[in-house]
C-alpha cells in the first residue's frame, strides 16, 4: 500500500490510524473504540507518539469487522472469539514446526 500515510519500518509497512481505518472501510473513531476495548493495539509509535499499525493489525481489524458484521458479535464475544482464533493459529504454527 503506497500512500502518504504509509510508512516503512524495519518490520514492513506501518500505517496510520486514518489509513488502516480507510482500508477496512470504517471510521477512525471505530478503530480507537476497538483499541479502548482491548481488541486492537497499535504495533508501534513513531517519534511523535503517533500510533502505527502493521499488516498483522490490519488483518486483525478486518477479522474484527467480519465477525461483527457477519455474526453481530458484541465486544465480549468478539474478544473471546479473537482469543480462540489466535490460540488456534498458535497451535497450528506449533504443529507445523514439529513436523
PDB file of N, CA and C in Angstrom:
ATOM      1  N   UNK A   1       0.861  -1.165   0.000  1.00  0.00           N
ATOM      2  CA  UNK A   1       0.000   0.000   0.000  1.00  0.00           C
ATOM      3  C   UNK A   1       0.906   1.226   0.000  1.00  0.00           C
ATOM      4  N   UNK A   2       0.879   1.987  -1.031  1.00  0.00           N
ATOM      5  CA  UNK A   2       1.711   3.179  -1.126  1.00  0.00           C
ATOM      6  C   UNK A   2       0.836   4.410  -1.038  1.00  0.00           C
ATOM      7  N   UNK A   3       0.940   5.077   0.095  1.00  0.00           N
ATOM      8  CA  UNK A   3       0.190   6.295   0.337  1.00  0.00           C
ATOM      9  C   UNK A   3       1.062   7.224   1.155  1.00  0.00           C
ATOM     10  N   UNK A   4       0.723   8.500   1.239  1.00  0.00           N
ATOM     11  CA  UNK A   4       1.498   9.400   2.071  1.00  0.00           C
ATOM     12  C   UNK A   4       1.497   8.993   3.539  1.00  0.00           C
ATOM     13  N   UNK A   5       0.445   8.297   4.002  1.00  0.00           N
ATOM     14  CA  UNK A   5       0.357   7.923   5.402  1.00  0.00           C
ATOM     15  C   UNK A   5       0.879   6.511   5.672  1.00  0.00           C
ATOM     16  N   UNK A   6       1.425   5.854   4.663  1.00  0.00           N
ATOM     17  CA  UNK A   6       2.010   4.542   4.831  1.00  0.00           C
ATOM     18  C   UNK A   6       3.515   4.712   4.957  1.00  0.00           C
ATOM     19  N   UNK A   7       4.059   4.224   6.046  1.00  0.00           N
ATOM     20  CA  UNK A   7       5.475   4.385   6.324  1.00  0.00           C
ATOM     21  C   UNK A   7       6.162   3.032   6.270  1.00  0.00           C
ATOM     22  N   UNK A   8       7.434   3.037   5.985  1.00  0.00           N
ATOM     23  CA  UNK A   8       8.192   1.793   6.013  1.00  0.00           C
ATOM     24  C   UNK A   8       8.956   1.719   7.320  1.00  0.00           C
ATOM     25  N   UNK A   9       9.026   0.524   7.848  1.00  0.00           N
ATOM     26  CA  UNK A   9       9.824   0.292   9.043  1.00  0.00           C
ATOM     27  C   UNK A   9      10.635  -0.965   8.802  1.00  0.00           C
ATOM     28  N   UNK A  10      11.458  -1.303   9.769  1.00  0.00           N
ATOM     29  CA  UNK A  10      12.282  -2.499   9.615  1.00  0.00           C
ATOM     30  C   UNK A  10      11.439  -3.764   9.607  1.00  0.00           C
ATOM     31  N   UNK A  11      10.201  -3.687  10.052  1.00  0.00           N
ATOM     32  CA  UNK A  11       9.317  -4.848  10.104  1.00  0.00           C
ATOM     33  C   UNK A  11       8.255  -4.822   9.016  1.00  0.00           C
ATOM     34  N   UNK A  12       8.415  -3.970   8.027  1.00  0.00           N
ATOM     35  CA  UNK A  12       7.444  -3.889   6.942  1.00  0.00           C
ATOM     36  C   UNK A  12       6.682  -2.588   7.001  1.00  0.00           C
ATOM     37  N   UNK A  13       5.589  -2.523   6.250  1.00  0.00           N
ATOM     38  CA  UNK A  13       4.820  -1.274   6.198  1.00  0.00           C
ATOM     39  C   UNK A  13       4.173  -0.961   7.548  1.00  0.00           C
ATOM     40  N   UNK A  14       4.044   0.319   7.806  1.00  0.00           N
ATOM     41  CA  UNK A  14       3.346   0.795   9.005  1.00  0.00           C
ATOM     42  C   UNK A  14       2.314   1.810   8.540  1.00  0.00           C
ATOM     43  N   UNK A  15       1.114   1.687   9.070  1.00  0.00           N
ATOM     44  CA  UNK A  15       0.007   2.517   8.627  1.00  0.00           C
ATOM     45  C   UNK A  15      -0.493   3.393   9.774  1.00  0.00           C
ATOM     46  N   UNK A  16      -0.923   4.594   9.428  1.00  0.00           N
ATOM     47  CA  UNK A  16      -1.509   5.477  10.423  1.00  0.00           C
ATOM     48  C   UNK A  16      -2.951   5.055  10.684  1.00  0.00           C
ATOM     49  N   UNK A  17      -3.535   5.640  11.695  1.00  0.00           N
ATOM     50  CA  UNK A  17      -4.910   5.364  12.067  1.00  0.00           C
ATOM     51  C   UNK A  17      -5.868   5.580  10.898  1.00  0.00           C
ATOM     52  N   UNK A  18      -5.732   6.705  10.215  1.00  0.00           N
ATOM     53  CA  UNK A  18      -6.630   7.010   9.097  1.00  0.00           C
ATOM     54  C   UNK A  18      -6.514   5.997   7.966  1.00  0.00           C
ATOM     55  N   UNK A  19      -5.309   5.564   7.674  1.00  0.00           N
ATOM     56  CA  UNK A  19      -5.099   4.608   6.578  1.00  0.00           C
ATOM     57  C   UNK A  19      -5.669   3.239   6.925  1.00  0.00           C
ATOM     58  N   UNK A  20      -5.414   2.765   8.126  1.00  0.00           N
ATOM     59  CA  UNK A  20      -5.922   1.430   8.492  1.00  0.00           C
ATOM     60  C   UNK A  20      -7.450   1.444   8.561  1.00  0.00           C
ATOM     61  N   UNK A  21      -8.020   2.547   9.039  1.00  0.00           N
ATOM     62  CA  UNK A  21      -9.481   2.670   9.084  1.00  0.00           C
ATOM     63  C   UNK A  21     -10.047   2.677   7.664  1.00  0.00           C
ATOM     64  N   UNK A  22      -9.453   3.460   6.791  1.00  0.00           N
ATOM     65  CA  UNK A  22      -9.909   3.553   5.410  1.00  0.00           C
ATOM     66  C   UNK A  22      -9.791   2.204   4.695  1.00  0.00           C
ATOM     67  N   UNK A  23      -8.712   1.481   4.947  1.00  0.00           N
ATOM     68  CA  UNK A  23      -8.507   0.177   4.303  1.00  0.00           C
ATOM     69  C   UNK A  23      -9.595  -0.817   4.688  1.00  0.00           C
ATOM     70  N   UNK A  24     -10.194  -0.630   5.868  1.00  0.00           N
ATOM     71  CA  UNK A  24     -11.248  -1.536   6.328  1.00  0.00           C
ATOM     72  C   UNK A  24     -12.640  -0.950   6.139  1.00  0.00           C
ATOM     73  N   UNK A  25     -12.702   0.262   5.611  1.00  0.00           N
ATOM     74  CA  UNK A  25     -13.997   0.873   5.354  1.00  0.00           C
ATOM     75  C   UNK A  25     -14.741   1.298   6.606  1.00  0.00           C
ATOM     76  N   UNK A  26     -13.994   1.662   7.642  1.00  0.00           N
ATOM     77  CA  UNK A  26     -14.613   2.100   8.894  1.00  0.00           C
ATOM     78  C   UNK A  26     -14.028   3.448   9.293  1.00  0.00           C
ATOM     79  N   UNK A  27     -14.594   4.053  10.310  1.00  0.00           N
ATOM     80  CA  UNK A  27     -14.104   5.356  10.762  1.00  0.00           C
ATOM     81  C   UNK A  27     -12.911   5.191  11.702  1.00  0.00           C
ATOM     82  N   UNK A  28     -12.133   6.246  11.804  1.00  0.00           N
ATOM     83  CA  UNK A  28     -11.016   6.259  12.750  1.00  0.00           C
ATOM     84  C   UNK A  28     -11.521   6.094  14.175  1.00  0.00           C
ATOM     85  N   UNK A  29     -12.692   6.652  14.459  1.00  0.00           N
ATOM     86  CA  UNK A  29     -13.275   6.535  15.795  1.00  0.00           C
ATOM     87  C   UNK A  29     -13.569   5.078  16.145  1.00  0.00           C
ATOM     88  N   UNK A  30     -13.953   4.291  15.152  1.00  0.00           N
ATOM     89  CA  UNK A  30     -14.212   2.871  15.384  1.00  0.00           C
ATOM     90  C   UNK A  30     -12.921   2.153  15.755  1.00  0.00           C
ATOM     91  N   UNK A  31     -11.834   2.476  15.072  1.00  0.00           N
ATOM     92  CA  UNK A  31     -10.534   1.871  15.401  1.00  0.00           C
ATOM     93  C   UNK A  31     -10.143   2.251  16.825  1.00  0.00           C
ATOM     94  N   UNK A  32     -10.311   3.512  17.168  1.00  0.00           N
ATOM     95  CA  UNK A  32      -9.994   3.970  18.534  1.00  0.00           C
ATOM     96  C   UNK A  32     -10.861   3.220  19.545  1.00  0.00           C
ATOM     97  N   UNK A  33     -12.140   3.038  19.229  1.00  0.00           N
ATOM     98  CA  UNK A  33     -13.040   2.292  20.115  1.00  0.00           C
ATOM     99  C   UNK A  33     -12.526   0.858  20.320  1.00  0.00           C
ATOM    100  N   UNK A  34     -12.125   0.204  19.247  1.00  0.00           N
ATOM    101  CA  UNK A  34     -11.597  -1.163  19.365  1.00  0.00           C
ATOM    102  C   UNK A  34     -10.339  -1.181  20.229  1.00  0.00           C
ATOM    103  N   UNK A  35      -9.507  -0.152  20.094  1.00  0.00           N
ATOM    104  CA  UNK A  35      -8.312  -0.051  20.935  1.00  0.00           C
ATOM    105  C   UNK A  35      -8.717   0.115  22.400  1.00  0.00           C
ATOM    106  N   UNK A  36      -9.654   1.003  22.668  1.00  0.00           N
ATOM    107  CA  UNK A  36     -10.114   1.243  24.037  1.00  0.00           C
ATOM    108  C   UNK A  36     -10.736  -0.004  24.649  1.00  0.00           C
ATOM    109  N   UNK A  37     -11.354  -0.847  23.832  1.00  0.00           N
ATOM    110  CA  UNK A  37     -11.981  -2.079  24.299  1.00  0.00           C
ATOM    111  C   UNK A  37     -10.992  -3.246  24.391  1.00  0.00           C
ATOM    112  N   UNK A  38      -9.742  -3.010  23.998  1.00  0.00           N
ATOM    113  CA  UNK A  38      -8.721  -4.050  24.086  1.00  0.00           C
ATOM    114  C   UNK A  38      -8.740  -5.057  22.960  1.00  0.00           C
ATOM    115  N   UNK A  39      -9.409  -4.726  21.862  1.00  0.00           N
ATOM    116  CA  UNK A  39      -9.497  -5.648  20.728  1.00  0.00           C
ATOM    117  C   UNK A  39      -8.370  -5.465  19.729  1.00  0.00           C
ATOM    118  N   UNK A  40      -7.771  -4.279  19.694  1.00  0.00           N
ATOM    119  CA  UNK A  40      -6.735  -3.957  18.709  1.00  0.00           C
ATOM    120  C   UNK A  40      -5.747  -2.992  19.341  1.00  0.00           C
ATOM    121  N   UNK A  41      -4.478  -3.253  19.158  1.00  0.00           N
ATOM    122  CA  UNK A  41      -3.440  -2.358  19.659  1.00  0.00           C
ATOM    123  C   UNK A  41      -2.504  -1.986  18.524  1.00  0.00           C
ATOM    124  N   UNK A  42      -2.005  -0.752  18.524  1.00  0.00           N
ATOM    125  CA  UNK A  42      -1.019  -0.374  17.510  1.00  0.00           C
ATOM    126  C   UNK A  42       0.227  -1.237  17.644  1.00  0.00           C
ATOM    127  N   UNK A  43       0.908  -1.438  16.549  1.00  0.00           N
ATOM    128  CA  UNK A  43       2.150  -2.218  16.570  1.00  0.00           C
ATOM    129  C   UNK A  43       3.294  -1.418  17.180  1.00  0.00           C
ATOM    130  N   UNK A  44       3.255  -0.093  16.975  1.00  0.00           N
ATOM    131  CA  UNK A  44       4.334   0.760  17.472  1.00  0.00           C
ATOM    132  C   UNK A  44       3.874   2.214  17.440  1.00  0.00           C
ATOM    133  N   UNK A  45       4.795   3.100  17.753  1.00  0.00           N
ATOM    134  CA  UNK A  45       4.565   4.538  17.663  1.00  0.00           C
ATOM    135  C   UNK A  45       5.767   5.166  16.990  1.00  0.00           C
ATOM    136  N   UNK A  46       5.519   6.273  16.311  1.00  0.00           N
ATOM    137  CA  UNK A  46       6.655   6.993  15.744  1.00  0.00           C
ATOM    138  C   UNK A  46       7.231   7.939  16.809  1.00  0.00           C
ATOM    139  N   UNK A  47       8.216   8.741  16.415  1.00  0.00           N
ATOM    140  CA  UNK A  47       8.903   9.618  17.359  1.00  0.00           C
ATOM    141  C   UNK A  47       7.974  10.625  18.023  1.00  0.00           C
ATOM    142  N   UNK A  48       6.911  11.011  17.329  1.00  0.00           N
ATOM    143  CA  UNK A  48       5.982  11.997  17.874  1.00  0.00           C
ATOM    144  C   UNK A  48       4.845  11.359  18.675  1.00  0.00           C
ATOM    145  N   UNK A  49       4.849  10.032  18.792  1.00  0.00           N
ATOM    146  CA  UNK A  49       3.824   9.340  19.560  1.00  0.00           C
ATOM    147  C   UNK A  49       2.613   8.907  18.757  1.00  0.00           C
ATOM    148  N   UNK A  50       2.652   9.096  17.441  1.00  0.00           N
ATOM    149  CA  UNK A  50       1.552   8.682  16.577  1.00  0.00           C
ATOM    150  C   UNK A  50       1.502   7.157  16.508  1.00  0.00           C
ATOM    151  N   UNK A  51       0.320   6.599  16.719  1.00  0.00           N
ATOM    152  CA  UNK A  51       0.143   5.152  16.651  1.00  0.00           C
ATOM    153  C   UNK A  51       0.366   4.661  15.223  1.00  0.00           C
ATOM    154  N   UNK A  52       1.088   3.561  15.098  1.00  0.00           N
ATOM    155  CA  UNK A  52       1.342   2.937  13.802  1.00  0.00           C
ATOM    156  C   UNK A  52       0.873   1.487  13.849  1.00  0.00           C
ATOM    157  N   UNK A  53       0.241   1.062  12.770  1.00  0.00           N
ATOM    158  CA  UNK A  53      -0.319  -0.276  12.669  1.00  0.00           C
ATOM    159  C   UNK A  53       0.390  -1.025  11.546  1.00  0.00           C
ATOM    160  N   UNK A  54       0.609  -2.319  11.737  1.00  0.00           N
ATOM    161  CA  UNK A  54       1.275  -3.123  10.711  1.00  0.00           C
ATOM    162  C   UNK A  54       0.267  -4.043  10.022  1.00  0.00           C
ATOM    163  N   UNK A  55       0.772  -4.921   9.172  1.00  0.00           N
ATOM    164  CA  UNK A  55      -0.114  -5.824   8.429  1.00  0.00           C
ATOM    165  C   UNK A  55      -0.876  -6.774   9.350  1.00  0.00           C
ATOM    166  N   UNK A  56      -0.257  -7.186  10.463  1.00  0.00           N
ATOM    167  CA  UNK A  56      -0.969  -8.039  11.415  1.00  0.00           C
ATOM    168  C   UNK A  56      -2.155  -7.302  12.025  1.00  0.00           C
ATOM    169  N   UNK A  57      -1.967  -6.028  12.343  1.00  0.00           N
ATOM    170  CA  UNK A  57      -3.069  -5.208  12.870  1.00  0.00           C
ATOM    171  C   UNK A  57      -4.177  -5.075  11.831  1.00  0.00           C
ATOM    172  N   UNK A  58      -3.787  -4.870  10.587  1.00  0.00           N
ATOM    173  CA  UNK A  58      -4.765  -4.745   9.506  1.00  0.00           C
ATOM    174  C   UNK A  58      -5.569  -6.037   9.377  1.00  0.00           C
ATOM    175  N   UNK A  59      -4.890  -7.164   9.426  1.00  0.00           N
ATOM    176  CA  UNK A  59      -5.566  -8.465   9.355  1.00  0.00           C
ATOM    177  C   UNK A  59      -6.529  -8.631  10.533  1.00  0.00           C
ATOM    178  N   UNK A  60      -6.073  -8.282  11.737  1.00  0.00           N
ATOM    179  CA  UNK A  60      -6.925  -8.410  12.924  1.00  0.00           C
ATOM    180  C   UNK A  60      -8.145  -7.488  12.815  1.00  0.00           C
ATOM    181  N   UNK A  61      -7.947  -6.268  12.347  1.00  0.00           N
ATOM    182  CA  UNK A  61      -9.050  -5.330  12.204  1.00  0.00           C
ATOM    183  C   UNK A  61     -10.075  -5.851  11.190  1.00  0.00           C
ATOM    184  N   UNK A  62      -9.612  -6.402  10.096  1.00  0.00           N
ATOM    185  CA  UNK A  62     -10.539  -6.986   9.110  1.00  0.00           C
ATOM    186  C   UNK A  62     -11.295  -8.165   9.705  1.00  0.00           C
ATOM    187  N   UNK A  63     -10.613  -8.948  10.529  1.00  0.00           N
ATOM    188  CA  UNK A  63     -11.255 -10.077  11.196  1.00  0.00           C
ATOM    189  C   UNK A  63     -12.329  -9.576  12.171  1.00  0.00           C
ATOM    190  N   UNK A  64     -12.018  -8.532  12.928  1.00  0.00           N
ATOM    191  CA  UNK A  64     -12.984  -7.948  13.859  1.00  0.00           C
ATOM    192  C   UNK A  64     -14.222  -7.488  13.105  1.00  0.00           C
ATOM    193  N   UNK A  65     -14.017  -6.751  12.034  1.00  0.00           N
ATOM    194  CA  UNK A  65     -15.143  -6.243  11.260  1.00  0.00           C
ATOM    195  C   UNK A  65     -15.963  -7.373  10.653  1.00  0.00           C
ATOM    196  N   UNK A  66     -15.302  -8.401  10.160  1.00  0.00           N
ATOM    197  CA  UNK A  66     -16.026  -9.546   9.594  1.00  0.00           C
ATOM    198  C   UNK A  66     -16.891 -10.208  10.663  1.00  0.00           C
ATOM    199  N   UNK A  67     -16.331 -10.463  11.827  1.00  0.00           N
ATOM    200  CA  UNK A  67     -17.087 -11.100  12.909  1.00  0.00           C
ATOM    201  C   UNK A  67     -18.244 -10.222  13.371  1.00  0.00           C
ATOM    202  N   UNK A  68     -17.979  -8.935  13.479  1.00  0.00           N
ATOM    203  CA  UNK A  68     -19.013  -8.017  13.944  1.00  0.00           C
ATOM    204  C   UNK A  68     -20.158  -7.934  12.930  1.00  0.00           C
ATOM    205  N   UNK A  69     -19.827  -7.817  11.657  1.00  0.00           N
ATOM    206  CA  UNK A  69     -20.849  -7.674  10.627  1.00  0.00           C
ATOM    207  C   UNK A  69     -21.582  -8.985  10.345  1.00  0.00           C
ATOM    208  N   UNK A  70     -20.863 -10.080  10.282  1.00  0.00           N
ATOM    209  CA  UNK A  70     -21.459 -11.361   9.919  1.00  0.00           C
ATOM    210  C   UNK A  70     -22.260 -11.976  11.056  1.00  0.00           C
ATOM    211  N   UNK A  71     -21.718 -11.897  12.269  1.00  0.00           N
ATOM    212  CA  UNK A  71     -22.344 -12.579  13.399  1.00  0.00           C
ATOM    213  C   UNK A  71     -22.905 -11.626  14.451  1.00  0.00           C
ATOM    214  N   UNK A  72     -22.801 -10.330  14.213  1.00  0.00           N
ATOM    215  CA  UNK A  72     -23.321  -9.310  15.144  1.00  0.00           C
ATOM    216  C   UNK A  72     -22.811  -9.522  16.567  1.00  0.00           C
ATOM    217  N   UNK A  73     -21.512  -9.826  16.686  1.00  0.00           N
ATOM    218  CA  UNK A  73     -20.934 -10.074  17.998  1.00  0.00           C
ATOM    219  C   UNK A  73     -20.693  -8.772  18.752  1.00  0.00           C
ATOM    220  N   UNK A  74     -20.960  -8.805  20.031  1.00  0.00           N
ATOM    221  CA  UNK A  74     -20.655  -7.678  20.917  1.00  0.00           C
ATOM    222  C   UNK A  74     -19.199  -7.792  21.362  1.00  0.00           C
ATOM    223  N   UNK A  75     -18.732  -6.790  22.095  1.00  0.00           N
ATOM    224  CA  UNK A  75     -17.317  -6.705  22.461  1.00  0.00           C
ATOM    225  C   UNK A  75     -16.803  -7.939  23.188  1.00  0.00           C
ATOM    226  N   UNK A  76     -17.511  -8.409  24.196  1.00  0.00           N
ATOM    227  CA  UNK A  76     -17.048  -9.574  24.957  1.00  0.00           C
ATOM    228  C   UNK A  76     -16.953 -10.814  24.069  1.00  0.00           C
ATOM    229  N   UNK A  77     -17.952 -11.005  23.223  1.00  0.00           N
ATOM    230  CA  UNK A  77     -17.940 -12.154  22.317  1.00  0.00           C
ATOM    231  C   UNK A  77     -16.843 -12.015  21.271  1.00  0.00           C
ATOM    232  N   UNK A  78     -16.616 -10.793  20.795  1.00  0.00           N
ATOM    233  CA  UNK A  78     -15.514 -10.553  19.856  1.00  0.00           C
ATOM    234  C   UNK A  78     -14.186 -10.916  20.495  1.00  0.00           C
ATOM    235  N   UNK A  79     -13.972 -10.446  21.721  1.00  0.00           N
ATOM    236  CA  UNK A  79     -12.715 -10.707  22.416  1.00  0.00           C
ATOM    237  C   UNK A  79     -12.484 -12.211  22.581  1.00  0.00           C
ATOM    238  N   UNK A  80     -13.514 -12.922  23.041  1.00  0.00           N
ATOM    239  CA  UNK A  80     -13.402 -14.367  23.228  1.00  0.00           C
ATOM    240  C   UNK A  80     -13.129 -15.073  21.906  1.00  0.00           C
ATOM    241  N   UNK A  81     -13.856 -14.713  20.870  1.00  0.00           N
ATOM    242  CA  UNK A  81     -13.673 -15.331  19.556  1.00  0.00           C
ATOM    243  C   UNK A  81     -12.278 -15.063  19.012  1.00  0.00           C
ATOM    244  N   UNK A  82     -11.816 -13.824  19.126  1.00  0.00           N
ATOM    245  CA  UNK A  82     -10.465 -13.485  18.659  1.00  0.00           C
ATOM    246  C   UNK A  82      -9.407 -14.247  19.444  1.00  0.00           C
ATOM    247  N   UNK A  83      -9.578 -14.356  20.755  1.00  0.00           N
ATOM    248  CA  UNK A  83      -8.626 -15.115  21.574  1.00  0.00           C
ATOM    249  C   UNK A  83      -8.576 -16.576  21.140  1.00  0.00           C
ATOM    250  N   UNK A  84      -9.737 -17.152  20.879  1.00  0.00           N
ATOM    251  CA  UNK A  84      -9.785 -18.547  20.437  1.00  0.00           C
ATOM    252  C   UNK A  84      -9.144 -18.717  19.058  1.00  0.00           C
ATOM    253  N   UNK A  85      -9.412 -17.786  18.159  1.00  0.00           N
ATOM    254  CA  UNK A  85      -8.817 -17.852  16.823  1.00  0.00           C
ATOM    255  C   UNK A  85      -7.293 -17.698  16.900  1.00  0.00           C
ATOM    256  N   UNK A  86      -6.827 -16.807  17.765  1.00  0.00           N
ATOM    257  CA  UNK A  86      -5.381 -16.635  17.957  1.00  0.00           C
ATOM    258  C   UNK A  86      -4.752 -17.921  18.497  1.00  0.00           C
ATOM    259  N   UNK A  87      -5.441 -18.571  19.435  1.00  0.00           N
ATOM    260  CA  UNK A  87      -4.930 -19.815  20.007  1.00  0.00           C
ATOM    261  C   UNK A  87      -4.879 -20.920  18.955  1.00  0.00           C
ATOM    262  N   UNK A  88      -5.886 -21.006  18.114  1.00  0.00           N
ATOM    263  CA  UNK A  88      -5.882 -21.994  17.036  1.00  0.00           C
ATOM    264  C   UNK A  88      -4.697 -21.746  16.100  1.00  0.00           C
ATOM    265  N   UNK A  89      -4.463 -20.491  15.743  1.00  0.00           N
ATOM    266  CA  UNK A  89      -3.327 -20.161  14.879  1.00  0.00           C
ATOM    267  C   UNK A  89      -2.001 -20.524  15.544  1.00  0.00           C
ATOM    268  N   UNK A  90      -1.884 -20.242  16.851  1.00  0.00           N
ATOM    269  CA  UNK A  90      -0.655 -20.568  17.579  1.00  0.00           C
ATOM    270  C   UNK A  90      -0.423 -22.077  17.591  1.00  0.00           C
ATOM    271  N   UNK A  91      -1.475 -22.843  17.840  1.00  0.00           N
ATOM    272  CA  UNK A  91      -1.353 -24.301  17.868  1.00  0.00           C
ATOM    273  C   UNK A  91      -1.019 -24.859  16.488  1.00  0.00           C
ATOM    274  N   UNK A  92      -1.614 -24.304  15.445  1.00  0.00           N
ATOM    275  CA  UNK A  92      -1.278 -24.745  14.083  1.00  0.00           C
ATOM    276  C   UNK A  92       0.183 -24.482  13.772  1.00  0.00           C
ATOM    277  N   UNK A  93       0.659 -23.325  14.157  1.00  0.00           N
ATOM    278  CA  UNK A  93       2.055 -22.979  13.922  1.00  0.00           C
ATOM    279  C   UNK A  93       2.981 -23.931  14.683  1.00  0.00           C
ATOM    280  N   UNK A  94       2.628 -24.207  15.907  1.00  0.00           N
ATOM    281  CA  UNK A  94       3.416 -25.144  16.713  1.00  0.00           C
ATOM    282  C   UNK A  94       3.436 -26.524  16.080  1.00  0.00           C
ATOM    283  N   UNK A  95       2.309 -26.968  15.589  1.00  0.00           N
ATOM    284  CA  UNK A  95       2.215 -28.273  14.940  1.00  0.00           C
ATOM    285  C   UNK A  95       3.068 -28.314  13.674  1.00  0.00           C
ATOM    286  N   UNK A  96       3.031 -27.239  12.873  1.00  0.00           N
ATOM    287  CA  UNK A  96       3.857 -27.181  11.652  1.00  0.00           C
ATOM    288  C   UNK A  96       5.338 -27.272  11.987  1.00  0.00           C
ATOM    289  N   UNK A  97       5.757 -26.649  13.075  1.00  0.00           N
ATOM    290  CA  UNK A  97       7.167 -26.656  13.448  1.00  0.00           C
ATOM    291  C   UNK A  97       7.615 -28.025  13.955  1.00  0.00           C
ATOM    292  N   UNK A  98       6.691 -28.812  14.451  1.00  0.00           N
ATOM    293  CA  UNK A  98       7.017 -30.139  14.950  1.00  0.00           C
ATOM    294  C   UNK A  98       7.171 -31.159  13.836  1.00  0.00           C
ATOM    295  N   UNK A  99       6.600 -30.883  12.690  1.00  0.00           N
ATOM    296  CA  UNK A  99       6.635 -31.844  11.573  1.00  0.00           C
ATOM    297  C   UNK A  99       7.948 -31.863  10.897  1.00  0.00           C
TER     298      UNK A  99
END
